[in-house]
Protein backbone atom coordinates (compact mmCIF):
# COMPACT_ATOMS: atom_id res chain seq x y z
CA UNK A 1 -103.26 122.29 6.56
CA UNK A 2 -102.34 124.85 9.14
CA UNK A 3 -99.38 126.98 8.02
CA UNK A 4 -97.78 126.76 11.48
CA UNK A 5 -97.96 122.99 11.33
CA UNK A 6 -96.37 123.00 7.86
CA UNK A 7 -93.46 125.10 9.07
CA UNK A 8 -92.95 122.93 12.16
CA UNK A 9 -93.22 119.69 10.18
CA UNK A 10 -90.78 120.96 7.57
CA UNK A 11 -88.34 121.71 10.40
CA UNK A 12 -88.78 118.13 11.64
CA UNK A 13 -88.03 116.69 8.19
CA UNK A 14 -85.04 119.03 7.86
CA UNK A 15 -83.63 117.79 11.19
CA UNK A 16 -84.33 114.18 10.21
CA UNK A 17 -82.42 114.73 6.98
CA UNK A 18 -79.50 116.25 8.88
CA UNK A 19 -79.35 113.42 11.42
CA UNK A 20 -79.69 110.67 8.81
CA UNK A 21 -77.41 112.01 6.08
CA UNK A 22 -75.48 114.93 7.55
CA UNK A 23 -77.15 117.27 5.03
CA UNK A 24 -80.20 119.48 5.35
CA UNK A 25 -80.16 121.28 2.01
CA UNK A 26 -83.56 121.85 0.37
CA UNK A 27 -82.66 119.22 -2.25
CA UNK A 28 -81.77 116.64 0.41
CA UNK A 29 -84.95 117.43 2.37
CA UNK A 30 -86.99 116.76 -0.78
CA UNK A 31 -85.12 113.49 -1.29
CA UNK A 32 -85.85 112.51 2.32
CA UNK A 33 -89.57 113.06 1.76
CA UNK A 34 -89.53 110.74 -1.27
CA UNK A 35 -87.30 108.24 0.55
CA UNK A 36 -89.54 108.16 3.63
CA UNK A 37 -92.80 107.87 1.71
CA UNK A 38 -91.54 105.13 -0.60
CA UNK A 39 -90.00 103.28 2.33
CA UNK A 40 -93.32 103.39 4.17
CA UNK A 41 -95.27 102.24 1.10
CA UNK A 42 -92.78 99.41 0.52
CA UNK A 43 -93.15 98.20 4.12
CA UNK A 44 -96.93 98.60 4.48
CA UNK A 45 -98.09 97.71 0.96
CA UNK A 46 -95.33 95.70 -0.70
CA UNK A 47 -97.62 94.53 -3.51
CA UNK A 48 -98.33 98.14 -4.48
CA UNK A 49 -94.64 99.03 -4.43
CA UNK A 50 -93.85 95.95 -6.51
CA UNK A 51 -96.58 96.72 -9.04
CA UNK A 52 -95.37 100.32 -9.34
CA UNK A 53 -91.76 99.20 -9.74
CA UNK A 54 -92.73 96.80 -12.54
CA UNK A 55 -94.82 99.45 -14.26
CA UNK A 56 -92.16 102.16 -13.98
CA UNK A 57 -88.69 100.60 -14.36
CA UNK A 58 -86.96 103.95 -14.94
CA UNK A 59 -88.48 105.41 -11.79
CA UNK A 60 -87.59 102.24 -9.90
CA UNK A 61 -83.97 102.82 -10.89
CA UNK A 62 -84.21 106.38 -9.53
CA UNK A 63 -85.63 105.11 -6.22
CA UNK A 64 -82.84 102.56 -5.97
CA UNK A 65 -80.26 105.27 -6.67
CA UNK A 66 -81.85 107.45 -3.98
CA UNK A 67 -81.80 104.62 -1.42
CA UNK A 68 -78.13 103.94 -2.19
CA UNK A 69 -77.30 107.64 -1.83
CA UNK A 70 -79.04 107.85 1.55
CA UNK A 71 -77.35 104.64 2.72
CA UNK A 72 -73.91 105.87 1.64
CA UNK A 73 -74.35 109.28 3.25
CA UNK A 74 -75.57 107.65 6.47
CA UNK A 75 -72.61 105.26 6.56
CA UNK A 76 -70.16 108.13 6.02
CA UNK A 77 -71.84 110.14 8.77
CA UNK A 78 -71.68 107.21 11.20
CA UNK A 79 -68.03 106.57 10.38
CA UNK A 80 -67.23 110.23 10.93
CA UNK A 81 -69.03 110.22 14.29
CA UNK A 82 -67.32 107.01 15.45
CA UNK A 83 -63.78 107.98 14.50
CA UNK A 84 -61.89 109.21 17.56
CA UNK A 85 -61.00 112.87 17.41
CA UNK A 86 -58.32 114.82 19.28
CA UNK A 87 -60.71 115.45 22.18
CA UNK A 88 -61.25 111.73 22.75
CA UNK A 89 -57.50 111.10 22.92
CA UNK A 90 -56.96 114.02 25.32
CA UNK A 91 -59.62 112.65 27.67
CA UNK A 92 -57.92 109.25 27.66
CA UNK A 93 -54.57 110.80 28.56
CA UNK A 94 -56.11 112.86 31.34
CA UNK A 95 -57.75 109.77 32.81
CA UNK A 96 -54.45 107.93 32.91
CA UNK A 97 -52.65 110.76 34.75
CA UNK A 98 -55.54 111.23 37.20
CA UNK A 99 -55.22 107.63 38.35
CA UNK A 100 -51.52 107.99 39.34
């Protein structure tokens, strides 16, 4: 593959990792690659994923652990983004005084 493409695609995966989990470390980016590929295989060829899971129970446990980690990180990130911060409260107070 083209080296420019590889750099640009790696940046895309890094941003995806950051937006999904809040982390873009090299380790998390590698985990996102595995997570995304397995997720795609599981959705497009469920029989293959099932066969692999039955043939490799230890690896299946690792995939499950990875999916739980990604889910937990995503839930924490969403909760952090939805919790009102000081700026949100200040805006609410300003709106109330502007209407008087």
